[in-house]
N, C-alpha and C. Protein backbone atom coordinates (compact mmCIF):
# COMPACT_ATOMS: atom_id res chain seq x y z
N MET A 1 9.16 -23.52 15.00
CA MET A 1 9.55 -23.30 13.67
C MET A 1 8.52 -23.83 12.60
N TYR A 2 8.06 -25.02 12.92
CA TYR A 2 7.08 -25.72 11.98
C TYR A 2 5.80 -24.84 11.82
N LYS A 3 5.33 -24.26 12.93
CA LYS A 3 4.08 -23.60 13.01
C LYS A 3 4.29 -22.30 12.20
N LYS A 4 5.46 -21.61 12.29
CA LYS A 4 5.69 -20.37 11.62
C LYS A 4 5.74 -20.70 10.03
N THR A 5 6.34 -21.76 9.66
CA THR A 5 6.37 -22.21 8.25
C THR A 5 5.04 -22.44 7.68
N LEU A 6 4.32 -23.21 8.49
CA LEU A 6 2.87 -23.59 8.08
C LEU A 6 1.98 -22.23 7.98
N PHE A 7 2.13 -21.37 8.98
CA PHE A 7 1.35 -20.05 8.89
C PHE A 7 1.81 -19.29 7.69
N ALA A 8 3.07 -19.13 7.39
CA ALA A 8 3.59 -18.42 6.21
C ALA A 8 3.03 -18.96 4.91
N ILE A 9 3.04 -20.34 4.73
CA ILE A 9 2.46 -20.94 3.57
C ILE A 9 0.93 -20.69 3.46
N PHE A 10 0.24 -20.75 4.56
CA PHE A 10 -1.18 -20.44 4.52
C PHE A 10 -1.37 -18.96 4.11
N ILE A 11 -0.72 -18.05 4.72
CA ILE A 11 -0.88 -16.57 4.28
C ILE A 11 -0.52 -16.42 2.76
N PHE A 12 0.56 -17.13 2.31
CA PHE A 12 0.96 -16.89 0.88
C PHE A 12 -0.21 -17.58 -0.04
N LEU A 13 -0.78 -18.66 0.36
CA LEU A 13 -1.91 -19.21 -0.43
C LEU A 13 -3.11 -18.31 -0.38
N VAL A 14 -3.57 -17.89 0.65
CA VAL A 14 -4.69 -16.95 0.85
C VAL A 14 -4.38 -15.61 0.00
N GLY A 15 -3.24 -15.09 0.14
CA GLY A 15 -2.86 -13.92 -0.56
C GLY A 15 -2.93 -14.12 -2.14
N GLY A 16 -2.33 -15.26 -2.47
CA GLY A 16 -2.20 -15.59 -3.93
C GLY A 16 -3.63 -15.75 -4.55
N LEU A 17 -4.44 -16.54 -3.81
CA LEU A 17 -5.82 -16.70 -4.35
C LEU A 17 -6.62 -15.34 -4.33
N SER A 18 -6.49 -14.57 -3.41
CA SER A 18 -7.15 -13.26 -3.43
C SER A 18 -6.68 -12.44 -4.57
N ILE A 19 -5.46 -12.39 -4.84
CA ILE A 19 -4.98 -11.62 -6.00
C ILE A 19 -5.47 -12.19 -7.34
N TYR A 20 -5.43 -13.54 -7.40
CA TYR A 20 -5.83 -14.21 -8.63
C TYR A 20 -7.33 -13.81 -8.92
N TYR A 21 -8.25 -13.98 -7.86
CA TYR A 21 -9.71 -13.67 -8.04
C TYR A 21 -9.93 -12.23 -8.28
N TYR A 22 -9.07 -11.34 -7.74
CA TYR A 22 -9.26 -9.87 -8.05
C TYR A 22 -8.93 -9.57 -9.48
N VAL A 23 -7.85 -10.13 -9.95
CA VAL A 23 -7.34 -9.83 -11.34
C VAL A 23 -8.27 -10.57 -12.40
N TYR A 24 -8.70 -11.71 -12.16
CA TYR A 24 -9.47 -12.49 -13.10
C TYR A 24 -11.02 -12.54 -12.72
N GLN A 25 -11.54 -11.26 -12.51
CA GLN A 25 -13.04 -11.32 -12.14
C GLN A 25 -13.76 -11.60 -13.39
N GLY A 26 -15.07 -12.04 -13.20
CA GLY A 26 -15.90 -12.37 -14.22
C GLY A 26 -16.30 -11.13 -15.05
N HIS A 27 -16.43 -11.34 -16.31
CA HIS A 27 -16.86 -10.26 -17.23
C HIS A 27 -18.23 -9.73 -17.00
N ARG A 28 -18.40 -8.40 -17.27
CA ARG A 28 -19.61 -7.76 -17.12
C ARG A 28 -20.62 -8.26 -18.16
N ASN A 29 -21.92 -8.45 -17.94
CA ASN A 29 -22.91 -8.68 -18.97
C ASN A 29 -23.69 -7.35 -19.17
N ILE A 30 -23.17 -6.60 -20.09
CA ILE A 30 -23.75 -5.30 -20.34
C ILE A 30 -25.13 -5.49 -20.86
N ASP A 31 -25.44 -6.55 -21.66
CA ASP A 31 -26.72 -6.80 -22.17
C ASP A 31 -27.73 -6.99 -21.05
N GLY A 32 -27.40 -7.56 -19.98
CA GLY A 32 -28.30 -7.82 -18.83
C GLY A 32 -28.35 -6.67 -17.89
N GLU A 33 -27.44 -5.67 -17.96
CA GLU A 33 -27.41 -4.56 -17.00
C GLU A 33 -28.49 -3.53 -17.38
N LYS A 34 -28.90 -2.83 -16.41
CA LYS A 34 -29.84 -1.72 -16.60
C LYS A 34 -29.03 -0.49 -16.93
N ALA A 35 -29.39 0.25 -17.99
CA ALA A 35 -28.65 1.46 -18.39
C ALA A 35 -28.61 2.47 -17.29
N ALA A 36 -27.40 2.89 -17.02
CA ALA A 36 -27.16 4.08 -16.02
C ALA A 36 -27.77 5.31 -16.55
N TYR A 37 -27.60 5.60 -17.78
CA TYR A 37 -28.09 6.79 -18.42
C TYR A 37 -28.75 6.40 -19.78
N THR A 38 -29.92 7.06 -19.98
CA THR A 38 -30.63 6.90 -21.28
C THR A 38 -30.67 8.35 -21.96
N LEU A 39 -30.03 8.50 -23.10
CA LEU A 39 -29.94 9.89 -23.61
C LEU A 39 -29.82 9.77 -25.15
N GLU A 40 -29.83 10.93 -25.78
CA GLU A 40 -29.58 11.08 -27.25
C GLU A 40 -28.11 11.56 -27.45
N THR A 41 -27.66 11.31 -28.62
CA THR A 41 -26.27 11.78 -29.02
C THR A 41 -25.97 13.22 -28.71
N ALA A 42 -26.95 14.01 -29.08
CA ALA A 42 -26.90 15.46 -28.83
C ALA A 42 -26.67 15.84 -27.40
N GLU A 43 -27.38 15.12 -26.46
CA GLU A 43 -27.16 15.34 -25.05
C GLU A 43 -25.82 14.98 -24.56
N LEU A 44 -25.36 13.81 -25.09
CA LEU A 44 -24.00 13.41 -24.71
C LEU A 44 -22.90 14.35 -25.28
N GLN A 45 -23.04 14.90 -26.49
CA GLN A 45 -22.14 15.85 -26.98
C GLN A 45 -22.27 17.15 -26.24
N LYS A 46 -23.40 17.60 -25.77
CA LYS A 46 -23.55 18.77 -25.10
C LYS A 46 -22.81 18.70 -23.70
N ASP A 47 -22.87 17.53 -22.98
CA ASP A 47 -22.23 17.41 -21.80
C ASP A 47 -20.72 17.45 -21.96
N PHE A 48 -20.18 16.87 -23.06
CA PHE A 48 -18.77 16.92 -23.26
C PHE A 48 -18.32 18.31 -23.66
N ILE A 49 -19.17 19.10 -24.33
CA ILE A 49 -18.83 20.42 -24.68
C ILE A 49 -18.76 21.28 -23.38
N ALA A 50 -19.71 21.12 -22.51
CA ALA A 50 -19.77 21.94 -21.36
C ALA A 50 -18.59 21.62 -20.37
N ASN A 51 -18.26 20.44 -20.17
CA ASN A 51 -17.09 20.15 -19.33
C ASN A 51 -16.64 18.66 -19.59
N ASP A 52 -15.66 18.47 -20.44
CA ASP A 52 -15.31 17.14 -20.83
C ASP A 52 -14.82 16.20 -19.65
N SER A 53 -14.09 16.87 -18.75
CA SER A 53 -13.59 16.10 -17.62
C SER A 53 -14.81 15.60 -16.74
N LEU A 54 -15.69 16.31 -16.45
CA LEU A 54 -16.82 15.89 -15.68
C LEU A 54 -17.63 14.86 -16.41
N ALA A 55 -17.91 15.16 -17.67
CA ALA A 55 -18.54 14.25 -18.49
C ALA A 55 -17.95 12.83 -18.60
N LEU A 56 -16.67 12.82 -18.70
CA LEU A 56 -15.89 11.56 -18.86
C LEU A 56 -16.02 10.83 -17.51
N LEU A 57 -15.94 11.54 -16.30
CA LEU A 57 -16.11 10.88 -15.08
C LEU A 57 -17.55 10.25 -14.91
N LYS A 58 -18.46 11.05 -15.47
CA LYS A 58 -19.89 10.65 -15.35
C LYS A 58 -20.15 9.33 -16.17
N TYR A 59 -19.76 9.32 -17.42
CA TYR A 59 -20.17 8.27 -18.27
C TYR A 59 -19.21 7.12 -18.53
N GLN A 60 -17.92 7.30 -18.29
CA GLN A 60 -16.93 6.28 -18.61
C GLN A 60 -17.14 5.07 -17.79
N ASP A 61 -17.13 3.97 -18.68
CA ASP A 61 -17.29 2.58 -18.10
C ASP A 61 -18.80 2.36 -17.62
N GLN A 62 -19.66 3.20 -17.99
CA GLN A 62 -21.05 3.11 -17.55
C GLN A 62 -21.85 2.47 -18.74
N THR A 63 -22.87 1.81 -18.37
CA THR A 63 -23.88 1.28 -19.38
C THR A 63 -24.68 2.43 -19.69
N ILE A 64 -24.76 2.74 -21.05
CA ILE A 64 -25.61 3.84 -21.51
C ILE A 64 -26.45 3.35 -22.57
N GLU A 65 -27.60 4.01 -22.80
CA GLU A 65 -28.58 3.64 -23.86
C GLU A 65 -28.73 4.92 -24.71
N LEU A 66 -28.42 4.84 -26.00
CA LEU A 66 -28.49 6.02 -26.87
C LEU A 66 -29.62 5.78 -27.88
N ARG A 67 -30.47 6.92 -28.09
CA ARG A 67 -31.35 6.84 -29.11
C ARG A 67 -30.77 7.61 -30.31
N ALA A 68 -30.48 6.87 -31.38
CA ALA A 68 -29.59 7.45 -32.45
C ALA A 68 -30.03 6.90 -33.84
N ARG A 69 -29.50 7.62 -34.85
CA ARG A 69 -29.75 7.31 -36.20
C ARG A 69 -28.52 6.63 -36.71
N ILE A 70 -28.68 5.51 -37.53
CA ILE A 70 -27.49 4.85 -38.07
C ILE A 70 -27.01 5.67 -39.35
N THR A 71 -25.70 6.04 -39.28
CA THR A 71 -25.09 6.66 -40.44
C THR A 71 -24.12 5.83 -41.21
N LEU A 72 -23.64 4.76 -40.61
CA LEU A 72 -22.72 3.82 -41.38
C LEU A 72 -22.79 2.41 -40.75
N ILE A 73 -22.84 1.44 -41.64
CA ILE A 73 -22.89 0.04 -41.15
C ILE A 73 -21.70 -0.64 -41.55
N ASP A 74 -20.93 -1.24 -40.70
CA ASP A 74 -19.76 -2.13 -40.96
C ASP A 74 -20.06 -3.53 -40.49
N LEU A 75 -20.67 -4.26 -41.45
CA LEU A 75 -21.02 -5.71 -41.03
C LEU A 75 -19.85 -6.59 -40.85
N ASP A 76 -18.77 -6.31 -41.57
CA ASP A 76 -17.51 -7.11 -41.32
C ASP A 76 -16.99 -7.04 -39.96
N ASN A 77 -17.05 -5.85 -39.37
CA ASN A 77 -16.46 -5.62 -37.99
C ASN A 77 -17.51 -5.54 -36.88
N ASN A 78 -18.80 -5.85 -37.22
CA ASN A 78 -19.84 -5.76 -36.30
C ASN A 78 -19.92 -4.42 -35.59
N ALA A 79 -19.93 -3.33 -36.46
CA ALA A 79 -19.95 -2.01 -35.89
C ALA A 79 -20.84 -1.06 -36.57
N LEU A 80 -21.33 -0.04 -35.92
CA LEU A 80 -22.16 0.98 -36.46
C LEU A 80 -21.61 2.34 -36.07
N VAL A 81 -21.88 3.32 -36.95
CA VAL A 81 -21.61 4.70 -36.61
C VAL A 81 -22.90 5.37 -36.54
N LEU A 82 -23.23 6.03 -35.39
CA LEU A 82 -24.51 6.55 -35.03
C LEU A 82 -24.43 8.04 -35.02
N ASP A 83 -25.22 8.71 -35.68
CA ASP A 83 -25.36 10.22 -35.84
C ASP A 83 -23.98 10.82 -36.18
N ASN A 84 -23.16 10.03 -36.93
CA ASN A 84 -21.85 10.60 -37.32
C ASN A 84 -20.97 10.95 -36.16
N LYS A 85 -21.24 10.39 -34.89
CA LYS A 85 -20.55 10.89 -33.71
C LYS A 85 -20.24 9.65 -32.75
N VAL A 86 -20.84 8.57 -32.93
CA VAL A 86 -20.72 7.47 -31.97
C VAL A 86 -20.34 6.19 -32.84
N PHE A 87 -19.20 5.58 -32.35
CA PHE A 87 -18.71 4.27 -33.00
C PHE A 87 -19.02 3.24 -32.01
N ALA A 88 -19.93 2.32 -32.34
CA ALA A 88 -20.41 1.29 -31.40
C ALA A 88 -20.06 -0.12 -32.09
N THR A 89 -19.32 -0.85 -31.24
CA THR A 89 -19.00 -2.28 -31.73
C THR A 89 -19.92 -3.27 -30.89
N PHE A 90 -20.25 -4.25 -31.61
CA PHE A 90 -21.26 -5.26 -31.09
C PHE A 90 -20.57 -6.59 -30.93
N ASN A 91 -20.86 -7.39 -29.88
CA ASN A 91 -20.35 -8.67 -29.70
C ASN A 91 -20.93 -9.71 -30.67
N ASP A 92 -22.23 -9.58 -30.82
CA ASP A 92 -22.91 -10.51 -31.75
C ASP A 92 -23.02 -9.87 -33.15
N SER A 93 -23.21 -10.69 -34.15
CA SER A 93 -23.32 -10.23 -35.53
C SER A 93 -24.61 -9.31 -35.67
N LEU A 94 -24.42 -8.33 -36.43
CA LEU A 94 -25.55 -7.36 -36.75
C LEU A 94 -26.63 -8.02 -37.50
N PRO A 95 -27.88 -7.65 -37.35
CA PRO A 95 -28.96 -8.09 -38.24
C PRO A 95 -28.68 -7.67 -39.59
N GLN A 96 -29.08 -8.40 -40.58
CA GLN A 96 -28.76 -8.14 -41.91
C GLN A 96 -29.73 -7.01 -42.47
N ASP A 97 -30.80 -6.82 -41.83
CA ASP A 97 -31.86 -5.97 -42.37
C ASP A 97 -31.72 -4.59 -41.84
N LEU A 98 -30.61 -4.16 -41.26
CA LEU A 98 -30.34 -2.80 -40.87
C LEU A 98 -30.25 -1.85 -42.10
N ASN A 99 -30.74 -0.60 -41.92
CA ASN A 99 -30.58 0.31 -42.96
C ASN A 99 -30.06 1.67 -42.36
N THR A 100 -29.36 2.44 -43.14
CA THR A 100 -28.89 3.73 -42.75
C THR A 100 -30.08 4.61 -42.60
N ASN A 101 -30.04 5.64 -41.79
CA ASN A 101 -30.99 6.59 -41.34
C ASN A 101 -32.13 5.88 -40.58
N GLU A 102 -32.02 4.68 -40.20
CA GLU A 102 -32.95 4.03 -39.21
C GLU A 102 -32.60 4.56 -37.79
N ILE A 103 -33.68 4.77 -37.07
CA ILE A 103 -33.43 5.25 -35.64
C ILE A 103 -33.92 4.22 -34.74
N PHE A 104 -33.02 3.97 -33.73
CA PHE A 104 -33.42 3.02 -32.64
C PHE A 104 -32.48 3.21 -31.44
N ASN A 105 -32.66 2.45 -30.41
CA ASN A 105 -31.83 2.52 -29.21
C ASN A 105 -30.71 1.47 -29.23
N VAL A 106 -29.59 1.94 -28.79
CA VAL A 106 -28.46 1.11 -28.64
C VAL A 106 -27.94 1.15 -27.22
N LYS A 107 -27.72 0.01 -26.60
CA LYS A 107 -27.13 0.00 -25.20
C LYS A 107 -25.81 -0.57 -25.27
N GLY A 108 -24.82 0.02 -24.58
CA GLY A 108 -23.50 -0.47 -24.53
C GLY A 108 -22.67 0.22 -23.44
N ARG A 109 -21.48 -0.22 -23.34
CA ARG A 109 -20.56 0.31 -22.32
C ARG A 109 -19.79 1.52 -23.04
N PHE A 110 -19.87 2.67 -22.37
CA PHE A 110 -19.24 3.85 -22.88
C PHE A 110 -17.79 3.82 -22.58
N LEU A 111 -16.97 3.95 -23.59
CA LEU A 111 -15.56 3.96 -23.38
C LEU A 111 -14.91 5.32 -23.26
N GLY A 112 -15.40 6.26 -24.05
CA GLY A 112 -14.80 7.56 -23.91
C GLY A 112 -14.92 8.38 -25.25
N TYR A 113 -14.25 9.43 -25.32
CA TYR A 113 -14.29 10.30 -26.61
C TYR A 113 -12.91 10.25 -27.15
N ASP A 114 -12.88 9.95 -28.49
CA ASP A 114 -11.61 9.87 -29.25
C ASP A 114 -11.49 11.26 -29.94
N GLU A 115 -10.51 12.03 -29.50
CA GLU A 115 -10.33 13.43 -29.99
C GLU A 115 -9.75 13.37 -31.41
N LEU A 116 -8.95 12.31 -31.76
CA LEU A 116 -8.39 12.30 -33.04
C LEU A 116 -9.48 12.06 -34.17
N LEU A 117 -10.35 11.16 -33.96
CA LEU A 117 -11.40 10.91 -34.77
C LEU A 117 -12.63 11.68 -34.56
N ASP A 118 -12.77 12.47 -33.47
CA ASP A 118 -13.85 13.26 -33.18
C ASP A 118 -15.16 12.45 -32.98
N GLU A 119 -15.04 11.36 -32.16
CA GLU A 119 -16.26 10.49 -32.02
C GLU A 119 -16.23 9.85 -30.60
N PHE A 120 -17.40 9.48 -30.21
CA PHE A 120 -17.56 8.77 -28.95
C PHE A 120 -17.38 7.27 -29.21
N ARG A 121 -16.89 6.49 -28.28
CA ARG A 121 -16.72 5.03 -28.43
C ARG A 121 -17.57 4.33 -27.45
N MET A 122 -18.17 3.26 -27.96
CA MET A 122 -18.92 2.18 -27.18
C MET A 122 -18.58 0.78 -27.62
N ASP A 123 -18.58 -0.11 -26.66
CA ASP A 123 -18.32 -1.51 -26.95
C ASP A 123 -19.46 -2.35 -26.28
N GLN A 124 -19.39 -3.60 -26.57
CA GLN A 124 -20.37 -4.59 -26.07
C GLN A 124 -21.78 -4.08 -26.30
N SER A 125 -22.02 -3.58 -27.42
CA SER A 125 -23.34 -2.89 -27.66
C SER A 125 -24.36 -3.84 -28.14
N SER A 126 -25.56 -3.50 -28.03
CA SER A 126 -26.69 -4.35 -28.45
C SER A 126 -27.94 -3.37 -28.83
N ILE A 127 -28.75 -3.90 -29.73
CA ILE A 127 -29.83 -3.19 -30.19
C ILE A 127 -31.05 -3.36 -29.14
N VAL A 128 -31.49 -2.33 -28.53
CA VAL A 128 -32.60 -2.44 -27.63
C VAL A 128 -34.00 -2.55 -28.36
N LYS A 129 -34.79 -3.53 -28.13
CA LYS A 129 -36.02 -3.68 -28.72
C LYS A 129 -37.13 -3.31 -27.91
């Protein structure tokens, strides 16, 4: 009886620790990852127009790098709107010298397409130099 109880406790601890480490995995470092896709906003939009389900499977939760033009700067929320189509939020504060109509590369995690606002969403973004 003692061996069965000890074995049950051991299985419970191993199972509990396995579940804990699965649920609380370390966060991804998008800044350090290589971009899975490098493209322009028009290419992204074209893929979603052609087949939005396939495009979502292809890009969702992937690190992408977009070459785009700044159309709106929101310094309070550390966010940019790119090409009037991509809403990108940044973990770090944005440089103060950013200007609208400036073109550069932005790398971040692609979240998806927001049909209500008609825009693509990215988070954990950073400016690629």
